[in-house]
Amino acid sequence: MNYLIRHITIELHTCDRDIINDAEALDTLLRDVADRMGTEVISGISHKFDPQGVTAMLIVGASHLSIHSWPEHAYASADLVVCTEGFVLQEIIDFIKDRVQAQHVNFIEFRRGLIEEHVHTHAH
């Protein structure tokens, strides 16, 4: 089966609280992930919440990347939504885990946009 979209959700537990509370660090992380995935960054935005927490998002040539953090729980969640296959998923997950110094990681991948191959027959 062929799918249009890979949607990877990554849960990062017991992260470094300072790193995941730094909007610039999370923006840079996503830009580095985009580079490793081989997709162009089109636009990005990040927001630091008061008193803590960050959301960072990138629109990329292959769709979008985002990360949301809850430093008070040492937790972050990343979503990688792409229409490209040119990367090794475990390498991307390990890269993100290392950058936020997560002790535990869970992830799930959804394949979206099933493309069905239709066989056309003509009645005579």
PDB file of N, CA and C in Angstrom:
ATOM      1  N   MET A   1       0.835  -1.184   0.000  1.00  0.00           N
ATOM      2  CA  MET A   1       0.000   0.000   0.000  1.00  0.00           C
ATOM      3  C   MET A   1       0.876   1.242   0.000  1.00  0.00           C
ATOM      4  N   ASN A   2       0.405   2.250  -0.677  1.00  0.00           N
ATOM      5  CA  ASN A   2       1.120   3.522  -0.741  1.00  0.00           C
ATOM      6  C   ASN A   2       0.356   4.584   0.042  1.00  0.00           C
ATOM      7  N   TYR A   3       1.105   5.361   0.814  1.00  0.00           N
ATOM      8  CA  TYR A   3       0.524   6.430   1.612  1.00  0.00           C
ATOM      9  C   TYR A   3       1.193   7.747   1.257  1.00  0.00           C
ATOM     10  N   LEU A   4       0.448   8.829   1.412  1.00  0.00           N
ATOM     11  CA  LEU A   4       0.978  10.161   1.138  1.00  0.00           C
ATOM     12  C   LEU A   4       1.782  10.727   2.299  1.00  0.00           C
ATOM     13  N   ILE A   5       1.382  10.399   3.527  1.00  0.00           N
ATOM     14  CA  ILE A   5       1.903  11.112   4.699  1.00  0.00           C
ATOM     15  C   ILE A   5       2.395  10.142   5.765  1.00  0.00           C
ATOM     16  N   ARG A   6       3.535  10.493   6.368  1.00  0.00           N
ATOM     17  CA  ARG A   6       4.023   9.827   7.579  1.00  0.00           C
ATOM     18  C   ARG A   6       3.828  10.816   8.725  1.00  0.00           C
ATOM     19  N   HIS A   7       3.087  10.420   9.741  1.00  0.00           N
ATOM     20  CA  HIS A   7       2.860  11.265  10.923  1.00  0.00           C
ATOM     21  C   HIS A   7       3.463  10.532  12.114  1.00  0.00           C
ATOM     22  N   ILE A   8       4.573  11.062  12.603  1.00  0.00           N
ATOM     23  CA  ILE A   8       5.288  10.445  13.716  1.00  0.00           C
ATOM     24  C   ILE A   8       5.082  11.308  14.957  1.00  0.00           C
ATOM     25  N   THR A   9       4.571  10.709  16.010  1.00  0.00           N
ATOM     26  CA  THR A   9       4.397  11.387  17.291  1.00  0.00           C
ATOM     27  C   THR A   9       5.417  10.802  18.262  1.00  0.00           C
ATOM     28  N   ILE A  10       6.219  11.686  18.852  1.00  0.00           N
ATOM     29  CA  ILE A  10       7.293  11.264  19.749  1.00  0.00           C
ATOM     30  C   ILE A  10       7.047  11.880  21.122  1.00  0.00           C
ATOM     31  N   GLU A  11       6.985  11.037  22.151  1.00  0.00           N
ATOM     32  CA  GLU A  11       6.837  11.504  23.521  1.00  0.00           C
ATOM     33  C   GLU A  11       8.180  11.373  24.217  1.00  0.00           C
ATOM     34  N   LEU A  12       8.637  12.474  24.797  1.00  0.00           N
ATOM     35  CA  LEU A  12       9.967  12.555  25.411  1.00  0.00           C
ATOM     36  C   LEU A  12       9.801  12.831  26.903  1.00  0.00           C
ATOM     37  N   HIS A  13      10.202  11.859  27.714  1.00  0.00           N
ATOM     38  CA  HIS A  13      10.011  11.937  29.165  1.00  0.00           C
ATOM     39  C   HIS A  13      11.342  12.144  29.879  1.00  0.00           C
ATOM     40  N   THR A  14      11.265  12.819  31.020  1.00  0.00           N
ATOM     41  CA  THR A  14      12.422  13.100  31.871  1.00  0.00           C
ATOM     42  C   THR A  14      13.501  13.818  31.058  1.00  0.00           C
ATOM     43  N   CYS A  15      13.091  14.932  30.462  1.00  0.00           N
ATOM     44  CA  CYS A  15      13.989  15.772  29.657  1.00  0.00           C
ATOM     45  C   CYS A  15      14.702  16.783  30.551  1.00  0.00           C
ATOM     46  N   ASP A  16      15.743  17.390  30.006  1.00  0.00           N
ATOM     47  CA  ASP A  16      16.397  18.511  30.678  1.00  0.00           C
ATOM     48  C   ASP A  16      15.425  19.694  30.651  1.00  0.00           C
ATOM     49  N   ARG A  17      15.003  20.144  31.811  1.00  0.00           N
ATOM     50  CA  ARG A  17      13.977  21.192  31.913  1.00  0.00           C
ATOM     51  C   ARG A  17      14.417  22.520  31.294  1.00  0.00           C
ATOM     52  N   ASP A  18      15.693  22.851  31.413  1.00  0.00           N
ATOM     53  CA  ASP A  18      16.176  24.113  30.843  1.00  0.00           C
ATOM     54  C   ASP A  18      16.160  24.074  29.319  1.00  0.00           C
ATOM     55  N   ILE A  19      16.561  22.956  28.750  1.00  0.00           N
ATOM     56  CA  ILE A  19      16.584  22.840  27.287  1.00  0.00           C
ATOM     57  C   ILE A  19      15.175  22.942  26.720  1.00  0.00           C
ATOM     58  N   ILE A  20      14.227  22.215  27.311  1.00  0.00           N
ATOM     59  CA  ILE A  20      12.874  22.222  26.741  1.00  0.00           C
ATOM     60  C   ILE A  20      12.079  23.475  27.115  1.00  0.00           C
ATOM     61  N   ASN A  21      12.679  24.361  27.897  1.00  0.00           N
ATOM     62  CA  ASN A  21      12.049  25.646  28.200  1.00  0.00           C
ATOM     63  C   ASN A  21      12.707  26.784  27.426  1.00  0.00           C
ATOM     64  N   ASP A  22      13.541  26.446  26.454  1.00  0.00           N
ATOM     65  CA  ASP A  22      14.306  27.417  25.668  1.00  0.00           C
ATOM     66  C   ASP A  22      13.772  27.421  24.231  1.00  0.00           C
ATOM     67  N   ALA A  23      13.025  28.466  23.878  1.00  0.00           N
ATOM     68  CA  ALA A  23      12.402  28.544  22.550  1.00  0.00           C
ATOM     69  C   ALA A  23      13.434  28.495  21.434  1.00  0.00           C
ATOM     70  N   GLU A  24      14.539  29.177  21.599  1.00  0.00           N
ATOM     71  CA  GLU A  24      15.578  29.185  20.565  1.00  0.00           C
ATOM     72  C   GLU A  24      16.183  27.791  20.390  1.00  0.00           C
ATOM     73  N   ALA A  25      16.410  27.091  21.490  1.00  0.00           N
ATOM     74  CA  ALA A  25      16.976  25.737  21.413  1.00  0.00           C
ATOM     75  C   ALA A  25      16.028  24.785  20.692  1.00  0.00           C
ATOM     76  N   LEU A  26      14.726  24.897  20.955  1.00  0.00           N
ATOM     77  CA  LEU A  26      13.771  24.001  20.298  1.00  0.00           C
ATOM     78  C   LEU A  26      13.586  24.359  18.830  1.00  0.00           C
ATOM     79  N   ASP A  27      13.624  25.647  18.502  1.00  0.00           N
ATOM     80  CA  ASP A  27      13.575  26.053  17.091  1.00  0.00           C
ATOM     81  C   ASP A  27      14.790  25.503  16.341  1.00  0.00           C
ATOM     82  N   THR A  28      15.959  25.644  16.931  1.00  0.00           N
ATOM     83  CA  THR A  28      17.183  25.120  16.310  1.00  0.00           C
ATOM     84  C   THR A  28      17.109  23.605  16.164  1.00  0.00           C
ATOM     85  N   LEU A  29      16.581  22.931  17.167  1.00  0.00           N
ATOM     86  CA  LEU A  29      16.419  21.480  17.099  1.00  0.00           C
ATOM     87  C   LEU A  29      15.569  21.093  15.894  1.00  0.00           C
ATOM     88  N   LEU A  30      14.419  21.742  15.727  1.00  0.00           N
ATOM     89  CA  LEU A  30      13.550  21.407  14.598  1.00  0.00           C
ATOM     90  C   LEU A  30      14.228  21.688  13.263  1.00  0.00           C
ATOM     91  N   ARG A  31      14.974  22.781  13.180  1.00  0.00           N
ATOM     92  CA  ARG A  31      15.692  23.089  11.937  1.00  0.00           C
ATOM     93  C   ARG A  31      16.747  22.018  11.637  1.00  0.00           C
ATOM     94  N   ASP A  32      17.399  21.533  12.667  1.00  0.00           N
ATOM     95  CA  ASP A  32      18.376  20.455  12.481  1.00  0.00           C
ATOM     96  C   ASP A  32      17.691  19.150  12.074  1.00  0.00           C
ATOM     97  N   VAL A  33      16.514  18.888  12.628  1.00  0.00           N
ATOM     98  CA  VAL A  33      15.746  17.703  12.236  1.00  0.00           C
ATOM     99  C   VAL A  33      15.343  17.811  10.766  1.00  0.00           C
ATOM    100  N   ALA A  34      14.859  18.977  10.357  1.00  0.00           N
ATOM    101  CA  ALA A  34      14.478  19.174   8.951  1.00  0.00           C
ATOM    102  C   ALA A  34      15.659  18.905   8.031  1.00  0.00           C
ATOM    103  N   ASP A  35      16.823  19.392   8.419  1.00  0.00           N
ATOM    104  CA  ASP A  35      18.033  19.165   7.625  1.00  0.00           C
ATOM    105  C   ASP A  35      18.346  17.671   7.530  1.00  0.00           C
ATOM    106  N   ARG A  36      18.249  16.973   8.637  1.00  0.00           N
ATOM    107  CA  ARG A  36      18.530  15.527   8.646  1.00  0.00           C
ATOM    108  C   ARG A  36      17.495  14.741   7.849  1.00  0.00           C
ATOM    109  N   MET A  37      16.281  15.271   7.767  1.00  0.00           N
ATOM    110  CA  MET A  37      15.235  14.602   6.996  1.00  0.00           C
ATOM    111  C   MET A  37      15.317  14.960   5.513  1.00  0.00           C
ATOM    112  N   GLY A  38      16.156  15.933   5.190  1.00  0.00           N
ATOM    113  CA  GLY A  38      16.318  16.329   3.800  1.00  0.00           C
ATOM    114  C   GLY A  38      15.170  17.160   3.263  1.00  0.00           C
ATOM    115  N   THR A  39      14.559  17.967   4.133  1.00  0.00           N
ATOM    116  CA  THR A  39      13.456  18.808   3.690  1.00  0.00           C
ATOM    117  C   THR A  39      13.765  20.279   3.970  1.00  0.00           C
ATOM    118  N   GLU A  40      13.321  21.134   3.084  1.00  0.00           N
ATOM    119  CA  GLU A  40      13.588  22.570   3.156  1.00  0.00           C
ATOM    120  C   GLU A  40      12.700  23.242   4.204  1.00  0.00           C
ATOM    121  N   VAL A  41      13.275  24.152   4.982  1.00  0.00           N
ATOM    122  CA  VAL A  41      12.499  24.961   5.926  1.00  0.00           C
ATOM    123  C   VAL A  41      11.919  26.145   5.163  1.00  0.00           C
ATOM    124  N   ILE A  42      10.608  26.291   5.229  1.00  0.00           N
ATOM    125  CA  ILE A  42       9.928  27.395   4.555  1.00  0.00           C
ATOM    126  C   ILE A  42       9.662  28.532   5.534  1.00  0.00           C
ATOM    127  N   SER A  43       9.185  28.190   6.728  1.00  0.00           N
ATOM    128  CA  SER A  43       8.864  29.206   7.724  1.00  0.00           C
ATOM    129  C   SER A  43       8.853  28.564   9.106  1.00  0.00           C
ATOM    130  N   GLY A  44       9.079  29.386  10.123  1.00  0.00           N
ATOM    131  CA  GLY A  44       9.063  28.865  11.482  1.00  0.00           C
ATOM    132  C   GLY A  44       8.550  29.887  12.472  1.00  0.00           C
ATOM    133  N   ILE A  45       8.036  29.386  13.575  1.00  0.00           N
ATOM    134  CA  ILE A  45       7.570  30.251  14.652  1.00  0.00           C
ATOM    135  C   ILE A  45       7.732  29.491  15.966  1.00  0.00           C
ATOM    136  N   SER A  46       8.017  30.234  17.019  1.00  0.00           N
ATOM    137  CA  SER A  46       8.061  29.621  18.345  1.00  0.00           C
ATOM    138  C   SER A  46       7.476  30.606  19.347  1.00  0.00           C
ATOM    139  N   HIS A  47       6.971  30.056  20.435  1.00  0.00           N
ATOM    140  CA  HIS A  47       6.380  30.888  21.481  1.00  0.00           C
ATOM    141  C   HIS A  47       6.754  30.316  22.837  1.00  0.00           C
ATOM    142  N   LYS A  48       7.229  31.190  23.711  1.00  0.00           N
ATOM    143  CA  LYS A  48       7.548  30.821  25.093  1.00  0.00           C
ATOM    144  C   LYS A  48       6.379  31.254  25.962  1.00  0.00           C
ATOM    145  N   PHE A  49       5.804  30.306  26.680  1.00  0.00           N
ATOM    146  CA  PHE A  49       4.670  30.591  27.543  1.00  0.00           C
ATOM    147  C   PHE A  49       5.155  31.053  28.914  1.00  0.00           C
ATOM    148  N   ASP A  50       4.290  31.793  29.627  1.00  0.00           N
ATOM    149  CA  ASP A  50       4.593  32.283  30.961  1.00  0.00           C
ATOM    150  C   ASP A  50       3.778  31.467  31.958  1.00  0.00           C
ATOM    151  N   PRO A  51       4.362  30.847  32.925  1.00  0.00           N
ATOM    152  CA  PRO A  51       5.739  31.001  33.369  1.00  0.00           C
ATOM    153  C   PRO A  51       6.717  30.045  32.685  1.00  0.00           C
ATOM    154  N   GLN A  52       6.197  29.025  31.984  1.00  0.00           N
ATOM    155  CA  GLN A  52       7.115  28.075  31.349  1.00  0.00           C
ATOM    156  C   GLN A  52       6.395  27.324  30.241  1.00  0.00           C
ATOM    157  N   GLY A  53       7.187  26.679  29.397  1.00  0.00           N
ATOM    158  CA  GLY A  53       6.660  25.902  28.279  1.00  0.00           C
ATOM    159  C   GLY A  53       6.925  26.603  26.963  1.00  0.00           C
ATOM    160  N   VAL A  54       7.108  25.803  25.937  1.00  0.00           N
ATOM    161  CA  VAL A  54       7.427  26.321  24.607  1.00  0.00           C
ATOM    162  C   VAL A  54       6.660  25.517  23.566  1.00  0.00           C
ATOM    163  N   THR A  55       6.208  26.202  22.530  1.00  0.00           N
ATOM    164  CA  THR A  55       5.750  25.555  21.306  1.00  0.00           C
ATOM    165  C   THR A  55       6.593  26.110  20.179  1.00  0.00           C
ATOM    166  N   ALA A  56       7.170  25.217  19.387  1.00  0.00           N
ATOM    167  CA  ALA A  56       7.945  25.615  18.208  1.00  0.00           C
ATOM    168  C   ALA A  56       7.415  24.821  17.025  1.00  0.00           C
ATOM    169  N   MET A  57       7.267  25.500  15.885  1.00  0.00           N
ATOM    170  CA  MET A  57       6.737  24.853  14.687  1.00  0.00           C
ATOM    171  C   MET A  57       7.488  25.320  13.455  1.00  0.00           C
ATOM    172  N   LEU A  58       7.636  24.402  12.516  1.00  0.00           N
ATOM    173  CA  LEU A  58       8.217  24.725  11.218  1.00  0.00           C
ATOM    174  C   LEU A  58       7.287  24.235  10.127  1.00  0.00           C
ATOM    175  N   ILE A  59       7.096  25.065   9.123  1.00  0.00           N
ATOM    176  CA  ILE A  59       6.521  24.596   7.867  1.00  0.00           C
ATOM    177  C   ILE A  59       7.711  24.217   7.016  1.00  0.00           C
ATOM    178  N   VAL A  60       7.698  22.996   6.520  1.00  0.00           N
ATOM    179  CA  VAL A  60       8.814  22.504   5.713  1.00  0.00           C
ATOM    180  C   VAL A  60       8.283  22.054   4.356  1.00  0.00           C
ATOM    181  N   GLY A  61       9.190  21.862   3.427  1.00  0.00           N
ATOM    182  CA  GLY A  61       8.798  21.442   2.091  1.00  0.00           C
ATOM    183  C   GLY A  61       8.006  20.146   2.082  1.00  0.00           C
ATOM    184  N   ALA A  62       8.219  19.306   3.089  1.00  0.00           N
ATOM    185  CA  ALA A  62       7.543  18.011   3.155  1.00  0.00           C
ATOM    186  C   ALA A  62       6.304  18.030   4.053  1.00  0.00           C
ATOM    187  N   SER A  63       5.953  19.147   4.682  1.00  0.00           N
ATOM    188  CA  SER A  63       4.759  19.357   5.493  1.00  0.00           C
ATOM    189  C   SER A  63       5.084  20.202   6.716  1.00  0.00           C
ATOM    190  N   HIS A  64       5.134  19.610   7.942  1.00  0.00           N
ATOM    191  CA  HIS A  64       5.446  20.428   9.114  1.00  0.00           C
ATOM    192  C   HIS A  64       6.030  19.592  10.252  1.00  0.00           C
ATOM    193  N   LEU A  65       6.757  20.293  11.128  1.00  0.00           N
ATOM    194  CA  LEU A  65       7.375  19.710  12.312  1.00  0.00           C
ATOM    195  C   LEU A  65       6.996  20.585  13.498  1.00  0.00           C
ATOM    196  N   SER A  66       6.747  19.977  14.649  1.00  0.00           N
ATOM    197  CA  SER A  66       6.432  20.777  15.833  1.00  0.00           C
ATOM    198  C   SER A  66       6.926  20.077  17.091  1.00  0.00           C
ATOM    199  N   ILE A  67       7.124  20.892  18.128  1.00  0.00           N
ATOM    200  CA  ILE A  67       7.464  20.360  19.448  1.00  0.00           C
ATOM    201  C   ILE A  67       6.799  21.255  20.491  1.00  0.00           C
ATOM    202  N   HIS A  68       6.248  20.625  21.512  1.00  0.00           N
ATOM    203  CA  HIS A  68       5.556  21.314  22.600  1.00  0.00           C
ATOM    204  C   HIS A  68       6.170  20.808  23.900  1.00  0.00           C
ATOM    205  N   SER A  69       6.428  21.722  24.837  1.00  0.00           N
ATOM    206  CA  SER A  69       7.091  21.288  26.070  1.00  0.00           C
ATOM    207  C   SER A  69       6.347  21.727  27.324  1.00  0.00           C
ATOM    208  N   TRP A  70       6.490  20.892  28.338  1.00  0.00           N
ATOM    209  CA  TRP A  70       5.973  21.128  29.672  1.00  0.00           C
ATOM    210  C   TRP A  70       7.140  20.917  30.633  1.00  0.00           C
ATOM    211  N   PRO A  71       7.987  21.935  30.809  1.00  0.00           N
ATOM    212  CA  PRO A  71       9.172  21.771  31.661  1.00  0.00           C
ATOM    213  C   PRO A  71       8.841  21.363  33.092  1.00  0.00           C
ATOM    214  N   GLU A  72       7.711  21.798  33.600  1.00  0.00           N
ATOM    215  CA  GLU A  72       7.340  21.443  34.970  1.00  0.00           C
ATOM    216  C   GLU A  72       7.158  19.931  35.143  1.00  0.00           C
ATOM    217  N   HIS A  73       6.952  19.235  34.023  1.00  0.00           N
ATOM    218  CA  HIS A  73       6.823  17.775  34.035  1.00  0.00           C
ATOM    219  C   HIS A  73       8.007  17.094  33.347  1.00  0.00           C
ATOM    220  N   ALA A  74       9.006  17.888  32.947  1.00  0.00           N
ATOM    221  CA  ALA A  74      10.181  17.372  32.230  1.00  0.00           C
ATOM    222  C   ALA A  74       9.754  16.570  30.998  1.00  0.00           C
ATOM    223  N   TYR A  75       8.709  17.062  30.312  1.00  0.00           N
ATOM    224  CA  TYR A  75       8.079  16.334  29.202  1.00  0.00           C
ATOM    225  C   TYR A  75       7.982  17.218  27.963  1.00  0.00           C
ATOM    226  N   ALA A  76       8.198  16.593  26.812  1.00  0.00           N
ATOM    227  CA  ALA A  76       7.989  17.268  25.532  1.00  0.00           C
ATOM    228  C   ALA A  76       7.370  16.277  24.557  1.00  0.00           C
ATOM    229  N   SER A  77       6.632  16.812  23.607  1.00  0.00           N
ATOM    230  CA  SER A  77       5.999  15.994  22.580  1.00  0.00           C
ATOM    231  C   SER A  77       6.314  16.606  21.224  1.00  0.00           C
ATOM    232  N   ALA A  78       6.777  15.774  20.299  1.00  0.00           N
ATOM    233  CA  ALA A  78       7.105  16.246  18.953  1.00  0.00           C
ATOM    234  C   ALA A  78       6.212  15.543  17.938  1.00  0.00           C
ATOM    235  N   ASP A  79       5.830  16.282  16.909  1.00  0.00           N
ATOM    236  CA  ASP A  79       5.098  15.720  15.779  1.00  0.00           C
ATOM    237  C   ASP A  79       5.877  16.020  14.514  1.00  0.00           C
ATOM    238  N   LEU A  80       6.148  14.983  13.762  1.00  0.00           N
ATOM    239  CA  LEU A  80       6.829  15.110  12.482  1.00  0.00           C
ATOM    240  C   LEU A  80       5.840  14.619  11.434  1.00  0.00           C
ATOM    241  N   VAL A  81       5.352  15.524  10.619  1.00  0.00           N
ATOM    242  CA  VAL A  81       4.367  15.180   9.597  1.00  0.00           C
ATOM    243  C   VAL A  81       5.016  15.473   8.252  1.00  0.00           C
ATOM    244  N   VAL A  82       5.346  14.413   7.527  1.00  0.00           N
ATOM    245  CA  VAL A  82       6.131  14.578   6.304  1.00  0.00           C
ATOM    246  C   VAL A  82       5.635  13.656   5.194  1.00  0.00           C
ATOM    247  N   CYS A  83       5.954  14.034   3.989  1.00  0.00           N
ATOM    248  CA  CYS A  83       5.618  13.211   2.822  1.00  0.00           C
ATOM    249  C   CYS A  83       6.900  12.773   2.118  1.00  0.00           C
ATOM    250  N   THR A  84       7.887  12.412   2.913  1.00  0.00           N
ATOM    251  CA  THR A  84       9.170  11.977   2.372  1.00  0.00           C
ATOM    252  C   THR A  84       9.611  10.702   3.079  1.00  0.00           C
ATOM    253  N   GLU A  85      10.411   9.919   2.417  1.00  0.00           N
ATOM    254  CA  GLU A  85      10.912   8.661   2.976  1.00  0.00           C
ATOM    255  C   GLU A  85      12.426   8.684   3.140  1.00  0.00           C
ATOM    256  N   GLY A  86      13.074   9.792   2.817  1.00  0.00           N
ATOM    257  CA  GLY A  86      14.531   9.830   2.724  1.00  0.00           C
ATOM    258  C   GLY A  86      15.274   9.968   4.037  1.00  0.00           C
ATOM    259  N   PHE A  87      14.844   9.257   5.073  1.00  0.00           N
ATOM    260  CA  PHE A  87      15.520   9.316   6.366  1.00  0.00           C
ATOM    261  C   PHE A  87      15.256   8.020   7.121  1.00  0.00           C
ATOM    262  N   VAL A  88      16.103   7.758   8.113  1.00  0.00           N
ATOM    263  CA  VAL A  88      15.920   6.594   8.989  1.00  0.00           C
ATOM    264  C   VAL A  88      15.256   7.099  10.269  1.00  0.00           C
ATOM    265  N   LEU A  89      14.038   6.662  10.510  1.00  0.00           N
ATOM    266  CA  LEU A  89      13.250   7.178  11.628  1.00  0.00           C
ATOM    267  C   LEU A  89      13.969   7.031  12.964  1.00  0.00           C
ATOM    268  N   GLN A  90      14.548   5.886  13.241  1.00  0.00           N
ATOM    269  CA  GLN A  90      15.201   5.682  14.537  1.00  0.00           C
ATOM    270  C   GLN A  90      16.350   6.670  14.742  1.00  0.00           C
ATOM    271  N   GLU A  91      17.053   7.017  13.680  1.00  0.00           N
ATOM    272  CA  GLU A  91      18.134   8.008  13.796  1.00  0.00           C
ATOM    273  C   GLU A  91      17.579   9.379  14.161  1.00  0.00           C
ATOM    274  N   ILE A  92      16.437   9.749  13.605  1.00  0.00           N
ATOM    275  CA  ILE A  92      15.804  11.036  13.929  1.00  0.00           C
ATOM    276  C   ILE A  92      15.347  11.032  15.388  1.00  0.00           C
ATOM    277  N   ILE A  93      14.722   9.952  15.815  1.00  0.00           N
ATOM    278  CA  ILE A  93      14.256   9.854  17.206  1.00  0.00           C
ATOM    279  C   ILE A  93      15.432   9.932  18.173  1.00  0.00           C
ATOM    280  N   ASP A  94      16.492   9.201  17.887  1.00  0.00           N
ATOM    281  CA  ASP A  94      17.681   9.238  18.753  1.00  0.00           C
ATOM    282  C   ASP A  94      18.295  10.635  18.801  1.00  0.00           C
ATOM    283  N   PHE A  95      18.310  11.328  17.667  1.00  0.00           N
ATOM    284  CA  PHE A  95      18.853  12.687  17.598  1.00  0.00           C
ATOM    285  C   PHE A  95      18.050  13.625  18.504  1.00  0.00           C
ATOM    286  N   ILE A  96      16.728  13.573  18.403  1.00  0.00           N
ATOM    287  CA  ILE A  96      15.872  14.425  19.232  1.00  0.00           C
ATOM    288  C   ILE A  96      16.048  14.067  20.710  1.00  0.00           C
ATOM    289  N   LYS A  97      16.045  12.780  21.014  1.00  0.00           N
ATOM    290  CA  LYS A  97      16.220  12.317  22.399  1.00  0.00           C
ATOM    291  C   LYS A  97      17.510  12.868  22.999  1.00  0.00           C
ATOM    292  N   ASP A  98      18.593  12.777  22.244  1.00  0.00           N
ATOM    293  CA  ASP A  98      19.883  13.271  22.734  1.00  0.00           C
ATOM    294  C   ASP A  98      19.864  14.777  22.954  1.00  0.00           C
ATOM    295  N   ARG A  99      19.248  15.518  22.032  1.00  0.00           N
ATOM    296  CA  ARG A  99      19.260  16.984  22.131  1.00  0.00           C
ATOM    297  C   ARG A  99      18.486  17.504  23.336  1.00  0.00           C
ATOM    298  N   VAL A 100      17.389  16.821  23.703  1.00  0.00           N
ATOM    299  CA  VAL A 100      16.616  17.285  24.864  1.00  0.00           C
ATOM    300  C   VAL A 100      16.969  16.495  26.121  1.00  0.00           C
ATOM    301  N   GLN A 101      17.939  15.595  25.981  1.00  0.00           N
ATOM    302  CA  GLN A 101      18.427  14.766  27.084  1.00  0.00           C
ATOM    303  C   GLN A 101      17.301  13.985  27.761  1.00  0.00           C
ATOM    304  N   ALA A 102      16.409  13.417  26.935  1.00  0.00           N
ATOM    305  CA  ALA A 102      15.300  12.609  27.452  1.00  0.00           C
ATOM    306  C   ALA A 102      15.813  11.264  27.949  1.00  0.00           C
ATOM    307  N   GLN A 103      15.240  10.812  29.051  1.00  0.00           N
ATOM    308  CA  GLN A 103      15.605   9.502  29.597  1.00  0.00           C
ATOM    309  C   GLN A 103      14.742   8.380  29.016  1.00  0.00           C
ATOM    310  N   HIS A 104      13.515   8.707  28.634  1.00  0.00           N
ATOM    311  CA  HIS A 104      12.579   7.717  28.095  1.00  0.00           C
ATOM    312  C   HIS A 104      11.871   8.314  26.882  1.00  0.00           C
ATOM    313  N   VAL A 105      11.691   7.490  25.860  1.00  0.00           N
ATOM    314  CA  VAL A 105      11.033   7.944  24.633  1.00  0.00           C
ATOM    315  C   VAL A 105      10.042   6.878  24.173  1.00  0.00           C
ATOM    316  N   ASN A 106       8.864   7.334  23.789  1.00  0.00           N
ATOM    317  CA  ASN A 106       7.867   6.490  23.127  1.00  0.00           C
ATOM    318  C   ASN A 106       7.516   7.169  21.816  1.00  0.00           C
ATOM    319  N   PHE A 107       7.214   6.374  20.802  1.00  0.00           N
ATOM    320  CA  PHE A 107       6.762   6.988  19.558  1.00  0.00           C
ATOM    321  C   PHE A 107       5.771   6.071  18.860  1.00  0.00           C
ATOM    322  N   ILE A 108       4.986   6.681  18.003  1.00  0.00           N
ATOM    323  CA  ILE A 108       4.060   5.936  17.159  1.00  0.00           C
ATOM    324  C   ILE A 108       4.067   6.607  15.792  1.00  0.00           C
ATOM    325  N   GLU A 109       3.935   5.804  14.771  1.00  0.00           N
ATOM    326  CA  GLU A 109       3.887   6.344  13.412  1.00  0.00           C
ATOM    327  C   GLU A 109       2.560   5.963  12.778  1.00  0.00           C
ATOM    328  N   PHE A 110       1.894   6.969  12.242  1.00  0.00           N
ATOM    329  CA  PHE A 110       0.665   6.767  11.491  1.00  0.00           C
ATOM    330  C   PHE A 110       0.986   6.965  10.019  1.00  0.00           C
ATOM    331  N   ARG A 111       0.440   6.132   9.189  1.00  0.00           N
ATOM    332  CA  ARG A 111       0.533   6.332   7.741  1.00  0.00           C
ATOM    333  C   ARG A 111      -0.833   6.856   7.317  1.00  0.00           C
ATOM    334  N   ARG A 112      -0.831   8.000   6.640  1.00  0.00           N
ATOM    335  CA  ARG A 112      -2.085   8.660   6.271  1.00  0.00           C
ATOM    336  C   ARG A 112      -2.134   8.887   4.773  1.00  0.00           C
ATOM    337  N   GLY A 113      -3.338   9.013   4.257  1.00  0.00           N
ATOM    338  CA  GLY A 113      -3.520   9.300   2.841  1.00  0.00           C
ATOM    339  C   GLY A 113      -3.293   8.087   1.959  1.00  0.00           C
ATOM    340  N   LEU A 114      -4.001   6.996   2.255  1.00  0.00           N
ATOM    341  CA  LEU A 114      -3.864   5.774   1.469  1.00  0.00           C
ATOM    342  C   LEU A 114      -4.198   6.050   0.007  1.00  0.00           C
ATOM    343  N   ILE A 115      -3.291   5.663  -0.858  1.00  0.00           N
ATOM    344  CA  ILE A 115      -3.498   5.793  -2.299  1.00  0.00           C
ATOM    345  C   ILE A 115      -3.826   4.405  -2.828  1.00  0.00           C
ATOM    346  N   GLU A 116      -5.024   4.266  -3.329  1.00  0.00           N
ATOM    347  CA  GLU A 116      -5.435   2.979  -3.874  1.00  0.00           C
ATOM    348  C   GLU A 116      -5.160   2.956  -5.367  1.00  0.00           C
ATOM    349  N   GLU A 117      -4.589   1.869  -5.795  1.00  0.00           N
ATOM    350  CA  GLU A 117      -4.347   1.679  -7.219  1.00  0.00           C
ATOM    351  C   GLU A 117      -5.620   1.097  -7.819  1.00  0.00           C
ATOM    352  N   HIS A 118      -6.195   1.823  -8.772  1.00  0.00           N
ATOM    353  CA  HIS A 118      -7.422   1.364  -9.416  1.00  0.00           C
ATOM    354  C   HIS A 118      -7.088   0.701 -10.739  1.00  0.00           C
ATOM    355  N   VAL A 119      -7.696  -0.417 -10.958  1.00  0.00           N
ATOM    356  CA  VAL A 119      -7.560  -1.103 -12.238  1.00  0.00           C
ATOM    357  C   VAL A 119      -8.848  -0.840 -12.998  1.00  0.00           C
ATOM    358  N   HIS A 120      -8.717  -0.193 -14.129  1.00  0.00           N
ATOM    359  CA  HIS A 120      -9.889   0.142 -14.931  1.00  0.00           C
ATOM    360  C   HIS A 120     -10.141  -0.962 -15.950  1.00  0.00           C
ATOM    361  N   THR A 121     -11.359  -1.408 -15.994  1.00  0.00           N
ATOM    362  CA  THR A 121     -11.746  -2.379 -17.016  1.00  0.00           C
ATOM    363  C   THR A 121     -12.857  -1.764 -17.843  1.00  0.00           C
ATOM    364  N   HIS A 122     -12.889  -2.115 -19.075  1.00  0.00           N
ATOM    365  CA  HIS A 122     -13.909  -1.581 -19.978  1.00  0.00           C
ATOM    366  C   HIS A 122     -14.819  -2.715 -20.421  1.00  0.00           C
ATOM    367  N   ALA A 123     -16.102  -2.522 -20.268  1.00  0.00           N
ATOM    368  CA  ALA A 123     -17.074  -3.521 -20.731  1.00  0.00           C
ATOM    369  C   ALA A 123     -17.328  -3.293 -22.215  1.00  0.00           C
ATOM    370  N   HIS A 124     -17.451  -4.383 -22.955  1.00  0.00           N
ATOM    371  CA  HIS A 124     -17.705  -4.267 -24.403  1.00  0.00           C
ATOM    372  C   HIS A 124     -19.126  -4.586 -24.704  1.00  0.00           C
TER     373      HIS A 124
END
